Amino acid sequence: MTSKPTILVIDDNPLQREIIKNILVTANYDVALAEESLEAVMVIAQQEISLILLDIEMPTVNGFQLKKFLTRKKIDIPVIFLSSHSGMGIQLMGDVLGAVNFLTKPIDPTKLLAEIEAILP
């Protein structure tokens, strides 16, 4: 029996985390949650993560900074950035940092699941 991919949702907004978690659990994914970047690094160190859904705007260490850290540490987990702001600057920064995609909030469940299915086998 193959294990389900685990998706790490990193967002400082508890409601957003729960909404995304419910979408993913309904689609039969395992979900790990983190409220901020340090907690996310600890989760990554403790379990195998297949994909990261990463909010950009977080206090202390934002999503861009966390992605830079993961790249420096050679932690190669695909990242989809999430933001309530859409703009070419934010999307371009995500591309430069090596994100596989960028989705705007509120999250469209159909679009989110289509993106995940394109990334995960």
PDB file of N, CA and C in Angstrom:
ATOM      1  N   MET A   1       0.838  -1.192   0.000  1.00  0.00           N
ATOM      2  CA  MET A   1       0.000   0.000   0.000  1.00  0.00           C
ATOM      3  C   MET A   1       0.873   1.241   0.000  1.00  0.00           C
ATOM      4  N   THR A   2       0.630   2.152  -0.913  1.00  0.00           N
ATOM      5  CA  THR A   2       1.426   3.371  -0.960  1.00  0.00           C
ATOM      6  C   THR A   2       0.832   4.402  -0.022  1.00  0.00           C
ATOM      7  N   SER A   3       1.720   5.184   0.561  1.00  0.00           N
ATOM      8  CA  SER A   3       1.223   6.210   1.472  1.00  0.00           C
ATOM      9  C   SER A   3       0.790   7.434   0.670  1.00  0.00           C
ATOM     10  N   LYS A   4      -0.163   8.146   1.224  1.00  0.00           N
ATOM     11  CA  LYS A   4      -0.658   9.354   0.584  1.00  0.00           C
ATOM     12  C   LYS A   4       0.389  10.448   0.735  1.00  0.00           C
ATOM     13  N   PRO A   5       0.503  11.335  -0.251  1.00  0.00           N
ATOM     14  CA  PRO A   5       1.427  12.454  -0.104  1.00  0.00           C
ATOM     15  C   PRO A   5       0.977  13.357   1.049  1.00  0.00           C
ATOM     16  N   THR A   6       1.957  13.907   1.757  1.00  0.00           N
ATOM     17  CA  THR A   6       1.653  14.855   2.825  1.00  0.00           C
ATOM     18  C   THR A   6       1.934  16.258   2.320  1.00  0.00           C
ATOM     19  N   ILE A   7       0.959  17.116   2.474  1.00  0.00           N
ATOM     20  CA  ILE A   7       1.073  18.509   2.051  1.00  0.00           C
ATOM     21  C   ILE A   7       1.141  19.371   3.302  1.00  0.00           C
ATOM     22  N   LEU A   8       2.153  20.223   3.356  1.00  0.00           N
ATOM     23  CA  LEU A   8       2.334  21.144   4.482  1.00  0.00           C
ATOM     24  C   LEU A   8       1.705  22.481   4.127  1.00  0.00           C
ATOM     25  N   VAL A   9       0.762  22.918   4.953  1.00  0.00           N
ATOM     26  CA  VAL A   9       0.097  24.207   4.771  1.00  0.00           C
ATOM     27  C   VAL A   9       0.677  25.167   5.805  1.00  0.00           C
ATOM     28  N   ILE A  10       1.308  26.235   5.327  1.00  0.00           N
ATOM     29  CA  ILE A  10       1.920  27.226   6.218  1.00  0.00           C
ATOM     30  C   ILE A  10       1.185  28.544   6.023  1.00  0.00           C
ATOM     31  N   ASP A  11       0.441  28.949   7.040  1.00  0.00           N
ATOM     32  CA  ASP A  11      -0.338  30.189   6.972  1.00  0.00           C
ATOM     33  C   ASP A  11      -0.587  30.666   8.388  1.00  0.00           C
ATOM     34  N   ASP A  12      -0.378  31.951   8.633  1.00  0.00           N
ATOM     35  CA  ASP A  12      -0.563  32.487   9.986  1.00  0.00           C
ATOM     36  C   ASP A  12      -2.036  32.706  10.327  1.00  0.00           C
ATOM     37  N   ASN A  13      -2.925  32.545   9.349  1.00  0.00           N
ATOM     38  CA  ASN A  13      -4.355  32.729   9.579  1.00  0.00           C
ATOM     39  C   ASN A  13      -5.001  31.368   9.855  1.00  0.00           C
ATOM     40  N   PRO A  14      -5.495  31.150  11.090  1.00  0.00           N
ATOM     41  CA  PRO A  14      -6.066  29.843  11.442  1.00  0.00           C
ATOM     42  C   PRO A  14      -7.238  29.433  10.547  1.00  0.00           C
ATOM     43  N   LEU A  15      -8.069  30.390  10.157  1.00  0.00           N
ATOM     44  CA  LEU A  15      -9.221  30.072   9.304  1.00  0.00           C
ATOM     45  C   LEU A  15      -8.743  29.590   7.930  1.00  0.00           C
ATOM     46  N   GLN A  16      -7.757  30.276   7.355  1.00  0.00           N
ATOM     47  CA  GLN A  16      -7.212  29.858   6.060  1.00  0.00           C
ATOM     48  C   GLN A  16      -6.625  28.450   6.139  1.00  0.00           C
ATOM     49  N   ARG A  17      -5.876  28.183   7.227  1.00  0.00           N
ATOM     50  CA  ARG A  17      -5.287  26.844   7.395  1.00  0.00           C
ATOM     51  C   ARG A  17      -6.382  25.786   7.414  1.00  0.00           C
ATOM     52  N   GLU A  18      -7.447  26.027   8.145  1.00  0.00           N
ATOM     53  CA  GLU A  18      -8.537  25.049   8.255  1.00  0.00           C
ATOM     54  C   GLU A  18      -9.268  24.862   6.932  1.00  0.00           C
ATOM     55  N   ILE A  19      -9.512  25.955   6.213  1.00  0.00           N
ATOM     56  CA  ILE A  19     -10.195  25.862   4.920  1.00  0.00           C
ATOM     57  C   ILE A  19      -9.372  25.001   3.963  1.00  0.00           C
ATOM     58  N   ILE A  20      -8.080  25.305   3.874  1.00  0.00           N
ATOM     59  CA  ILE A  20      -7.213  24.555   2.960  1.00  0.00           C
ATOM     60  C   ILE A  20      -7.080  23.110   3.420  1.00  0.00           C
ATOM     61  N   LYS A  21      -6.945  22.907   4.728  1.00  0.00           N
ATOM     62  CA  LYS A  21      -6.853  21.540   5.260  1.00  0.00           C
ATOM     63  C   LYS A  21      -8.089  20.741   4.867  1.00  0.00           C
ATOM     64  N   ASN A  22      -9.269  21.314   5.016  1.00  0.00           N
ATOM     65  CA  ASN A  22     -10.506  20.606   4.680  1.00  0.00           C
ATOM     66  C   ASN A  22     -10.575  20.246   3.198  1.00  0.00           C
ATOM     67  N   ILE A  23     -10.120  21.150   2.332  1.00  0.00           N
ATOM     68  CA  ILE A  23     -10.085  20.864   0.891  1.00  0.00           C
ATOM     69  C   ILE A  23      -9.178  19.662   0.634  1.00  0.00           C
ATOM     70  N   LEU A  24      -7.999  19.668   1.257  1.00  0.00           N
ATOM     71  CA  LEU A  24      -7.003  18.620   1.010  1.00  0.00           C
ATOM     72  C   LEU A  24      -7.421  17.272   1.593  1.00  0.00           C
ATOM     73  N   VAL A  25      -7.968  17.288   2.806  1.00  0.00           N
ATOM     74  CA  VAL A  25      -8.400  16.039   3.443  1.00  0.00           C
ATOM     75  C   VAL A  25      -9.540  15.412   2.635  1.00  0.00           C
ATOM     76  N   THR A  26     -10.456  16.239   2.171  1.00  0.00           N
ATOM     77  CA  THR A  26     -11.562  15.758   1.345  1.00  0.00           C
ATOM     78  C   THR A  26     -11.038  15.106   0.064  1.00  0.00           C
ATOM     79  N   ALA A  27      -9.912  15.619  -0.439  1.00  0.00           N
ATOM     80  CA  ALA A  27      -9.302  15.064  -1.662  1.00  0.00           C
ATOM     81  C   ALA A  27      -8.349  13.911  -1.339  1.00  0.00           C
ATOM     82  N   ASN A  28      -8.348  13.475  -0.081  1.00  0.00           N
ATOM     83  CA  ASN A  28      -7.590  12.296   0.345  1.00  0.00           C
ATOM     84  C   ASN A  28      -6.076  12.517   0.475  1.00  0.00           C
ATOM     85  N   TYR A  29      -5.662  13.734   0.793  1.00  0.00           N
ATOM     86  CA  TYR A  29      -4.254  13.997   1.083  1.00  0.00           C
ATOM     87  C   TYR A  29      -4.051  14.025   2.590  1.00  0.00           C
ATOM     88  N   ASP A  30      -2.848  13.639   3.012  1.00  0.00           N
ATOM     89  CA  ASP A  30      -2.458  13.864   4.402  1.00  0.00           C
ATOM     90  C   ASP A  30      -2.012  15.315   4.509  1.00  0.00           C
ATOM     91  N   VAL A  31      -2.299  15.943   5.643  1.00  0.00           N
ATOM     92  CA  VAL A  31      -2.015  17.367   5.794  1.00  0.00           C
ATOM     93  C   VAL A  31      -1.248  17.614   7.087  1.00  0.00           C
ATOM     94  N   ALA A  32      -0.211  18.430   6.979  1.00  0.00           N
ATOM     95  CA  ALA A  32       0.504  18.947   8.147  1.00  0.00           C
ATOM     96  C   ALA A  32       0.284  20.459   8.146  1.00  0.00           C
ATOM     97  N   LEU A  33       0.189  21.032   9.333  1.00  0.00           N
ATOM     98  CA  LEU A  33      -0.083  22.462   9.445  1.00  0.00           C
ATOM     99  C   LEU A  33       1.022  23.168  10.213  1.00  0.00           C
ATOM    100  N   ALA A  34       1.309  24.402   9.806  1.00  0.00           N
ATOM    101  CA  ALA A  34       2.234  25.248  10.548  1.00  0.00           C
ATOM    102  C   ALA A  34       1.717  26.674  10.498  1.00  0.00           C
ATOM    103  N   GLU A  35       1.850  27.354  11.631  1.00  0.00           N
ATOM    104  CA  GLU A  35       1.362  28.724  11.737  1.00  0.00           C
ATOM    105  C   GLU A  35       2.399  29.726  11.266  1.00  0.00           C
ATOM    106  N   GLU A  36       3.671  29.358  11.364  1.00  0.00           N
ATOM    107  CA  GLU A  36       4.730  30.284  10.957  1.00  0.00           C
ATOM    108  C   GLU A  36       5.965  29.500  10.518  1.00  0.00           C
ATOM    109  N   SER A  37       6.977  30.216  10.044  1.00  0.00           N
ATOM    110  CA  SER A  37       8.123  29.591   9.377  1.00  0.00           C
ATOM    111  C   SER A  37       8.955  28.676  10.269  1.00  0.00           C
ATOM    112  N   LEU A  38       9.225  29.069  11.496  1.00  0.00           N
ATOM    113  CA  LEU A  38      10.027  28.219  12.382  1.00  0.00           C
ATOM    114  C   LEU A  38       9.314  26.888  12.641  1.00  0.00           C
ATOM    115  N   GLU A  39       8.025  26.960  12.909  1.00  0.00           N
ATOM    116  CA  GLU A  39       7.241  25.740  13.107  1.00  0.00           C
ATOM    117  C   GLU A  39       7.278  24.880  11.836  1.00  0.00           C
ATOM    118  N   ALA A  40       7.220  25.518  10.683  1.00  0.00           N
ATOM    119  CA  ALA A  40       7.259  24.793   9.409  1.00  0.00           C
ATOM    120  C   ALA A  40       8.580  24.048   9.239  1.00  0.00           C
ATOM    121  N   VAL A  41       9.689  24.691   9.582  1.00  0.00           N
ATOM    122  CA  VAL A  41      11.001  24.048   9.474  1.00  0.00           C
ATOM    123  C   VAL A  41      11.054  22.817  10.375  1.00  0.00           C
ATOM    124  N   MET A  42      10.475  22.919  11.566  1.00  0.00           N
ATOM    125  CA  MET A  42      10.454  21.775  12.481  1.00  0.00           C
ATOM    126  C   MET A  42       9.610  20.632  11.902  1.00  0.00           C
ATOM    127  N   VAL A  43       8.484  20.947  11.291  1.00  0.00           N
ATOM    128  CA  VAL A  43       7.636  19.922  10.674  1.00  0.00           C
ATOM    129  C   VAL A  43       8.400  19.235   9.546  1.00  0.00           C
ATOM    130  N   ILE A  44       9.084  20.026   8.713  1.00  0.00           N
ATOM    131  CA  ILE A  44       9.849  19.480   7.587  1.00  0.00           C
ATOM    132  C   ILE A  44      10.956  18.549   8.089  1.00  0.00           C
ATOM    133  N   ALA A  45      11.552  18.895   9.217  1.00  0.00           N
ATOM    134  CA  ALA A  45      12.623  18.063   9.779  1.00  0.00           C
ATOM    135  C   ALA A  45      12.092  16.749  10.339  1.00  0.00           C
ATOM    136  N   GLN A  46      10.806  16.720  10.715  1.00  0.00           N
ATOM    137  CA  GLN A  46      10.254  15.558  11.406  1.00  0.00           C
ATOM    138  C   GLN A  46       9.475  14.597  10.514  1.00  0.00           C
ATOM    139  N   GLN A  47       9.035  15.045   9.351  1.00  0.00           N
ATOM    140  CA  GLN A  47       8.258  14.144   8.503  1.00  0.00           C
ATOM    141  C   GLN A  47       8.490  14.434   7.029  1.00  0.00           C
ATOM    142  N   GLU A  48       8.147  13.444   6.213  1.00  0.00           N
ATOM    143  CA  GLU A  48       8.334  13.604   4.775  1.00  0.00           C
ATOM    144  C   GLU A  48       7.192  14.430   4.200  1.00  0.00           C
ATOM    145  N   ILE A  49       7.557  15.545   3.586  1.00  0.00           N
ATOM    146  CA  ILE A  49       6.580  16.459   3.003  1.00  0.00           C
ATOM    147  C   ILE A  49       6.727  16.397   1.486  1.00  0.00           C
ATOM    148  N   SER A  50       5.606  16.252   0.776  1.00  0.00           N
ATOM    149  CA  SER A  50       5.627  16.152  -0.686  1.00  0.00           C
ATOM    150  C   SER A  50       5.446  17.495  -1.378  1.00  0.00           C
ATOM    151  N   LEU A  51       4.756  18.419  -0.704  1.00  0.00           N
ATOM    152  CA  LEU A  51       4.432  19.716  -1.295  1.00  0.00           C
ATOM    153  C   LEU A  51       4.174  20.712  -0.168  1.00  0.00           C
ATOM    154  N   ILE A  52       4.548  21.967  -0.409  1.00  0.00           N
ATOM    155  CA  ILE A  52       4.300  23.034   0.568  1.00  0.00           C
ATOM    156  C   ILE A  52       3.384  24.073  -0.056  1.00  0.00           C
ATOM    157  N   LEU A  53       2.318  24.409   0.665  1.00  0.00           N
ATOM    158  CA  LEU A  53       1.459  25.546   0.313  1.00  0.00           C
ATOM    159  C   LEU A  53       1.844  26.655   1.284  1.00  0.00           C
ATOM    160  N   LEU A  54       2.451  27.711   0.763  1.00  0.00           N
ATOM    161  CA  LEU A  54       3.132  28.701   1.599  1.00  0.00           C
ATOM    162  C   LEU A  54       2.564  30.099   1.436  1.00  0.00           C
ATOM    163  N   ASP A  55       1.987  30.611   2.504  1.00  0.00           N
ATOM    164  CA  ASP A  55       1.506  31.988   2.528  1.00  0.00           C
ATOM    165  C   ASP A  55       2.710  32.922   2.451  1.00  0.00           C
ATOM    166  N   ILE A  56       2.582  33.984   1.697  1.00  0.00           N
ATOM    167  CA  ILE A  56       3.696  34.932   1.568  1.00  0.00           C
ATOM    168  C   ILE A  56       3.729  35.896   2.749  1.00  0.00           C
ATOM    169  N   GLU A  57       2.585  36.474   3.083  1.00  0.00           N
ATOM    170  CA  GLU A  57       2.552  37.502   4.125  1.00  0.00           C
ATOM    171  C   GLU A  57       2.370  36.878   5.506  1.00  0.00           C
ATOM    172  N   MET A  58       3.502  36.715   6.213  1.00  0.00           N
ATOM    173  CA  MET A  58       3.472  36.212   7.584  1.00  0.00           C
ATOM    174  C   MET A  58       4.398  37.079   8.423  1.00  0.00           C
ATOM    175  N   PRO A  59       4.091  37.194   9.712  1.00  0.00           N
ATOM    176  CA  PRO A  59       4.973  37.980  10.575  1.00  0.00           C
ATOM    177  C   PRO A  59       6.319  37.284  10.775  1.00  0.00           C
ATOM    178  N   THR A  60       7.289  38.014  11.190  1.00  0.00           N
ATOM    179  CA  THR A  60       8.643  37.541  11.475  1.00  0.00           C
ATOM    180  C   THR A  60       9.365  37.107  10.205  1.00  0.00           C
ATOM    181  N   VAL A  61       9.150  35.869   9.755  1.00  0.00           N
ATOM    182  CA  VAL A  61       9.795  35.364   8.537  1.00  0.00           C
ATOM    183  C   VAL A  61       8.701  35.122   7.507  1.00  0.00           C
ATOM    184  N   ASN A  62       8.729  35.906   6.411  1.00  0.00           N
ATOM    185  CA  ASN A  62       7.659  35.750   5.417  1.00  0.00           C
ATOM    186  C   ASN A  62       7.924  34.555   4.499  1.00  0.00           C
ATOM    187  N   GLY A  63       6.970  34.266   3.639  1.00  0.00           N
ATOM    188  CA  GLY A  63       7.062  33.104   2.766  1.00  0.00           C
ATOM    189  C   GLY A  63       8.257  33.144   1.830  1.00  0.00           C
ATOM    190  N   PHE A  64       8.568  34.323   1.288  1.00  0.00           N
ATOM    191  CA  PHE A  64       9.732  34.440   0.408  1.00  0.00           C
ATOM    192  C   PHE A  64      11.013  34.097   1.163  1.00  0.00           C
ATOM    193  N   GLN A  65      11.130  34.612   2.386  1.00  0.00           N
ATOM    194  CA  GLN A  65      12.330  34.341   3.187  1.00  0.00           C
ATOM    195  C   GLN A  65      12.440  32.856   3.519  1.00  0.00           C
ATOM    196  N   LEU A  66      11.319  32.222   3.832  1.00  0.00           N
ATOM    197  CA  LEU A  66      11.343  30.787   4.129  1.00  0.00           C
ATOM    198  C   LEU A  66      11.763  29.993   2.898  1.00  0.00           C
ATOM    199  N   LYS A  67      11.241  30.349   1.723  1.00  0.00           N
ATOM    200  CA  LYS A  67      11.616  29.646   0.491  1.00  0.00           C
ATOM    201  C   LYS A  67      13.115  29.801   0.228  1.00  0.00           C
ATOM    202  N   LYS A  68      13.660  31.001   0.449  1.00  0.00           N
ATOM    203  CA  LYS A  68      15.105  31.221   0.280  1.00  0.00           C
ATOM    204  C   LYS A  68      15.893  30.323   1.234  1.00  0.00           C
ATOM    205  N   PHE A  69      15.436  30.218   2.476  1.00  0.00           N
ATOM    206  CA  PHE A  69      16.100  29.372   3.472  1.00  0.00           C
ATOM    207  C   PHE A  69      16.094  27.909   3.017  1.00  0.00           C
ATOM    208  N   LEU A  70      14.941  27.426   2.578  1.00  0.00           N
ATOM    209  CA  LEU A  70      14.834  26.034   2.140  1.00  0.00           C
ATOM    210  C   LEU A  70      15.780  25.766   0.961  1.00  0.00           C
ATOM    211  N   THR A  71      15.853  26.700   0.040  1.00  0.00           N
ATOM    212  CA  THR A  71      16.743  26.549  -1.114  1.00  0.00           C
ATOM    213  C   THR A  71      18.201  26.512  -0.660  1.00  0.00           C
ATOM    214  N   ARG A  72      18.587  27.413   0.234  1.00  0.00           N
ATOM    215  CA  ARG A  72      19.970  27.440   0.753  1.00  0.00           C
ATOM    216  C   ARG A  72      20.327  26.130   1.434  1.00  0.00           C
ATOM    217  N   LYS A  73      19.369  25.536   2.142  1.00  0.00           N
ATOM    218  CA  LYS A  73      19.606  24.285   2.865  1.00  0.00           C
ATOM    219  C   LYS A  73      19.417  23.058   1.959  1.00  0.00           C
ATOM    220  N   LYS A  74      19.170  23.314   0.667  1.00  0.00           N
ATOM    221  CA  LYS A  74      18.980  22.246  -0.317  1.00  0.00           C
ATOM    222  C   LYS A  74      17.815  21.317   0.036  1.00  0.00           C
ATOM    223  N   ILE A  75      16.778  21.915   0.594  1.00  0.00           N
ATOM    224  CA  ILE A  75      15.541  21.182   0.884  1.00  0.00           C
ATOM    225  C   ILE A  75      14.646  21.388  -0.335  1.00  0.00           C
ATOM    226  N   ASP A  76      14.551  20.353  -1.139  1.00  0.00           N
ATOM    227  CA  ASP A  76      13.917  20.458  -2.451  1.00  0.00           C
ATOM    228  C   ASP A  76      12.492  19.912  -2.412  1.00  0.00           C
ATOM    229  N   ILE A  77      11.597  20.712  -1.870  1.00  0.00           N
ATOM    230  CA  ILE A  77      10.173  20.359  -1.818  1.00  0.00           C
ATOM    231  C   ILE A  77       9.446  21.396  -2.672  1.00  0.00           C
ATOM    232  N   PRO A  78       8.600  20.963  -3.600  1.00  0.00           N
ATOM    233  CA  PRO A  78       7.873  21.943  -4.414  1.00  0.00           C
ATOM    234  C   PRO A  78       7.034  22.875  -3.538  1.00  0.00           C
ATOM    235  N   VAL A  79       7.000  24.158  -3.935  1.00  0.00           N
ATOM    236  CA  VAL A  79       6.264  25.179  -3.181  1.00  0.00           C
ATOM    237  C   VAL A  79       5.268  25.878  -4.095  1.00  0.00           C
ATOM    238  N   ILE A  80       4.032  25.992  -3.607  1.00  0.00           N
ATOM    239  CA  ILE A  80       3.037  26.861  -4.233  1.00  0.00           C
ATOM    240  C   ILE A  80       2.828  28.018  -3.269  1.00  0.00           C
ATOM    241  N   PHE A  81       3.104  29.239  -3.730  1.00  0.00           N
ATOM    242  CA  PHE A  81       2.872  30.415  -2.896  1.00  0.00           C
ATOM    243  C   PHE A  81       1.395  30.774  -2.899  1.00  0.00           C
ATOM    244  N   LEU A  82       0.926  31.235  -1.742  1.00  0.00           N
ATOM    245  CA  LEU A  82      -0.447  31.699  -1.581  1.00  0.00           C
ATOM    246  C   LEU A  82      -0.410  33.150  -1.120  1.00  0.00           C
ATOM    247  N   SER A  83      -1.285  33.977  -1.673  1.00  0.00           N
ATOM    248  CA  SER A  83      -1.340  35.372  -1.232  1.00  0.00           C
ATOM    249  C   SER A  83      -2.707  35.962  -1.534  1.00  0.00           C
ATOM    250  N   SER A  84      -3.113  36.897  -0.695  1.00  0.00           N
ATOM    251  CA  SER A  84      -4.353  37.607  -0.979  1.00  0.00           C
ATOM    252  C   SER A  84      -4.083  38.757  -1.950  1.00  0.00           C
ATOM    253  N   HIS A  85      -2.819  39.029  -2.238  1.00  0.00           N
ATOM    254  CA  HIS A  85      -2.446  40.067  -3.208  1.00  0.00           C
ATOM    255  C   HIS A  85      -2.007  39.391  -4.498  1.00  0.00           C
ATOM    256  N   SER A  86      -2.525  39.897  -5.593  1.00  0.00           N
ATOM    257  CA  SER A  86      -2.042  39.378  -6.866  1.00  0.00           C
ATOM    258  C   SER A  86      -1.373  40.536  -7.576  1.00  0.00           C
ATOM    259  N   GLY A  87      -0.269  40.287  -8.116  1.00  0.00           N
ATOM    260  CA  GLY A  87       0.448  41.323  -8.846  1.00  0.00           C
ATOM    261  C   GLY A  87       1.648  40.691  -9.505  1.00  0.00           C
ATOM    262  N   MET A  88       2.066  41.284 -10.583  1.00  0.00           N
ATOM    263  CA  MET A  88       3.194  40.715 -11.316  1.00  0.00           C
ATOM    264  C   MET A  88       4.447  40.681 -10.453  1.00  0.00           C
ATOM    265  N   GLY A  89       4.646  41.665  -9.591  1.00  0.00           N
ATOM    266  CA  GLY A  89       5.841  41.701  -8.748  1.00  0.00           C
ATOM    267  C   GLY A  89       5.915  40.494  -7.823  1.00  0.00           C
ATOM    268  N   ILE A  90       4.801  40.190  -7.187  1.00  0.00           N
ATOM    269  CA  ILE A  90       4.755  39.050  -6.264  1.00  0.00           C
ATOM    270  C   ILE A  90       4.931  37.747  -7.043  1.00  0.00           C
ATOM    271  N   GLN A  91       4.240  37.612  -8.158  1.00  0.00           N
ATOM    272  CA  GLN A  91       4.357  36.396  -8.956  1.00  0.00           C
ATOM    273  C   GLN A  91       5.766  36.228  -9.516  1.00  0.00           C
ATOM    274  N   LEU A  92       6.367  37.337  -9.946  1.00  0.00           N
ATOM    275  CA  LEU A  92       7.724  37.291 -10.474  1.00  0.00           C
ATOM    276  C   LEU A  92       8.713  36.853  -9.397  1.00  0.00           C
ATOM    277  N   MET A  93       8.552  37.384  -8.174  1.00  0.00           N
ATOM    278  CA  MET A  93       9.434  36.991  -7.073  1.00  0.00           C
ATOM    279  C   MET A  93       9.284  35.493  -6.796  1.00  0.00           C
ATOM    280  N   GLY A  94       8.064  35.003  -6.836  1.00  0.00           N
ATOM    281  CA  GLY A  94       7.836  33.570  -6.652  1.00  0.00           C
ATOM    282  C   GLY A  94       8.547  32.757  -7.713  1.00  0.00           C
ATOM    283  N   ASP A  95       8.477  33.217  -8.961  1.00  0.00           N
ATOM    284  CA  ASP A  95       9.171  32.528 -10.054  1.00  0.00           C
ATOM    285  C   ASP A  95      10.681  32.543  -9.839  1.00  0.00           C
ATOM    286  N   VAL A  96      11.215  33.691  -9.463  1.00  0.00           N
ATOM    287  CA  VAL A  96      12.657  33.831  -9.235  1.00  0.00           C
ATOM    288  C   VAL A  96      13.118  32.875  -8.132  1.00  0.00           C
ATOM    289  N   LEU A  97      12.296  32.718  -7.099  1.00  0.00           N
ATOM    290  CA  LEU A  97      12.657  31.853  -5.974  1.00  0.00           C
ATOM    291  C   LEU A  97      12.416  30.367  -6.260  1.00  0.00           C
ATOM    292  N   GLY A  98      11.825  30.066  -7.389  1.00  0.00           N
ATOM    293  CA  GLY A  98      11.656  28.665  -7.769  1.00  0.00           C
ATOM    294  C   GLY A  98      10.349  28.032  -7.342  1.00  0.00           C
ATOM    295  N   ALA A  99       9.343  28.836  -7.062  1.00  0.00           N
ATOM    296  CA  ALA A  99       8.030  28.273  -6.733  1.00  0.00           C
ATOM    297  C   ALA A  99       7.437  27.623  -7.975  1.00  0.00           C
ATOM    298  N   VAL A 100       6.672  26.558  -7.777  1.00  0.00           N
ATOM    299  CA  VAL A 100       6.053  25.903  -8.925  1.00  0.00           C
ATOM    300  C   VAL A 100       4.796  26.624  -9.386  1.00  0.00           C
ATOM    301  N   ASN A 101       4.197  27.417  -8.475  1.00  0.00           N
ATOM    302  CA  ASN A 101       3.032  28.192  -8.873  1.00  0.00           C
ATOM    303  C   ASN A 101       2.696  29.221  -7.806  1.00  0.00           C
ATOM    304  N   PHE A 102       1.680  30.025  -8.114  1.00  0.00           N
ATOM    305  CA  PHE A 102       1.219  31.088  -7.243  1.00  0.00           C
ATOM    306  C   PHE A 102      -0.306  31.120  -7.348  1.00  0.00           C
ATOM    307  N   LEU A 103      -0.976  31.019  -6.191  1.00  0.00           N
ATOM    308  CA  LEU A 103      -2.439  31.084  -6.174  1.00  0.00           C
ATOM    309  C   LEU A 103      -2.886  32.229  -5.278  1.00  0.00           C
ATOM    310  N   THR A 104      -3.943  32.913  -5.705  1.00  0.00           N
ATOM    311  CA  THR A 104      -4.459  34.004  -4.892  1.00  0.00           C
ATOM    312  C   THR A 104      -5.591  33.509  -3.995  1.00  0.00           C
ATOM    313  N   LYS A 105      -5.691  34.151  -2.840  1.00  0.00           N
ATOM    314  CA  LYS A 105      -6.774  33.876  -1.894  1.00  0.00           C
ATOM    315  C   LYS A 105      -7.931  34.797  -2.238  1.00  0.00           C
ATOM    316  N   PRO A 106      -9.158  34.426  -1.978  1.00  0.00           N
ATOM    317  CA  PRO A 106      -9.543  33.138  -1.416  1.00  0.00           C
ATOM    318  C   PRO A 106      -9.230  32.004  -2.395  1.00  0.00           C
ATOM    319  N   ILE A 107      -8.852  30.868  -1.823  1.00  0.00           N
ATOM    320  CA  ILE A 107      -8.425  29.729  -2.620  1.00  0.00           C
ATOM    321  C   ILE A 107      -9.630  29.086  -3.313  1.00  0.00           C
ATOM    322  N   ASP A 108      -9.487  28.874  -4.605  1.00  0.00           N
ATOM    323  CA  ASP A 108     -10.488  28.150  -5.385  1.00  0.00           C
ATOM    324  C   ASP A 108     -10.142  26.661  -5.269  1.00  0.00           C
ATOM    325  N   PRO A 109     -10.998  25.858  -4.594  1.00  0.00           N
ATOM    326  CA  PRO A 109     -10.680  24.447  -4.370  1.00  0.00           C
ATOM    327  C   PRO A 109     -10.359  23.675  -5.647  1.00  0.00           C
ATOM    328  N   THR A 110     -11.125  23.904  -6.714  1.00  0.00           N
ATOM    329  CA  THR A 110     -10.902  23.185  -7.964  1.00  0.00           C
ATOM    330  C   THR A 110      -9.532  23.515  -8.541  1.00  0.00           C
ATOM    331  N   LYS A 111      -9.190  24.793  -8.539  1.00  0.00           N
ATOM    332  CA  LYS A 111      -7.896  25.225  -9.072  1.00  0.00           C
ATOM    333  C   LYS A 111      -6.747  24.686  -8.206  1.00  0.00           C
ATOM    334  N   LEU A 112      -6.910  24.749  -6.889  1.00  0.00           N
ATOM    335  CA  LEU A 112      -5.879  24.244  -5.978  1.00  0.00           C
ATOM    336  C   LEU A 112      -5.624  22.761  -6.232  1.00  0.00           C
ATOM    337  N   LEU A 113      -6.675  21.968  -6.280  1.00  0.00           N
ATOM    338  CA  LEU A 113      -6.524  20.527  -6.473  1.00  0.00           C
ATOM    339  C   LEU A 113      -5.940  20.204  -7.848  1.00  0.00           C
ATOM    340  N   ALA A 114      -6.299  20.977  -8.877  1.00  0.00           N
ATOM    341  CA  ALA A 114      -5.729  20.759 -10.207  1.00  0.00           C
ATOM    342  C   ALA A 114      -4.228  21.033 -10.194  1.00  0.00           C
ATOM    343  N   GLU A 115      -3.807  22.090  -9.492  1.00  0.00           N
ATOM    344  CA  GLU A 115      -2.383  22.407  -9.388  1.00  0.00           C
ATOM    345  C   GLU A 115      -1.626  21.298  -8.655  1.00  0.00           C
ATOM    346  N   ILE A 116      -2.211  20.829  -7.568  1.00  0.00           N
ATOM    347  CA  ILE A 116      -1.570  19.773  -6.774  1.00  0.00           C
ATOM    348  C   ILE A 116      -1.445  18.493  -7.596  1.00  0.00           C
ATOM    349  N   GLU A 117      -2.503  18.127  -8.300  1.00  0.00           N
ATOM    350  CA  GLU A 117      -2.477  16.905  -9.117  1.00  0.00           C
ATOM    351  C   GLU A 117      -1.449  16.994 -10.234  1.00  0.00           C
ATOM    352  N   ALA A 118      -1.184  18.208 -10.727  1.00  0.00           N
ATOM    353  CA  ALA A 118      -0.176  18.393 -11.772  1.00  0.00           C
ATOM    354  C   ALA A 118       1.243  18.210 -11.212  1.00  0.00           C
ATOM    355  N   ILE A 119       1.412  18.426  -9.906  1.00  0.00           N
ATOM    356  CA  ILE A 119       2.734  18.360  -9.283  1.00  0.00           C
ATOM    357  C   ILE A 119       3.010  16.991  -8.678  1.00  0.00           C
ATOM    358  N   LEU A 120       2.024  16.450  -7.975  1.00  0.00           N
ATOM    359  CA  LEU A 120       2.224  15.189  -7.271  1.00  0.00           C
ATOM    360  C   LEU A 120       1.769  14.016  -8.127  1.00  0.00           C
ATOM    361  N   PRO A 121       2.526  12.930  -8.114  1.00  0.00           N
ATOM    362  CA  PRO A 121       2.134  11.759  -8.926  1.00  0.00           C
ATOM    363  C   PRO A 121       0.852  11.107  -8.411  1.00  0.00           C
TER     364      PRO A 121
END
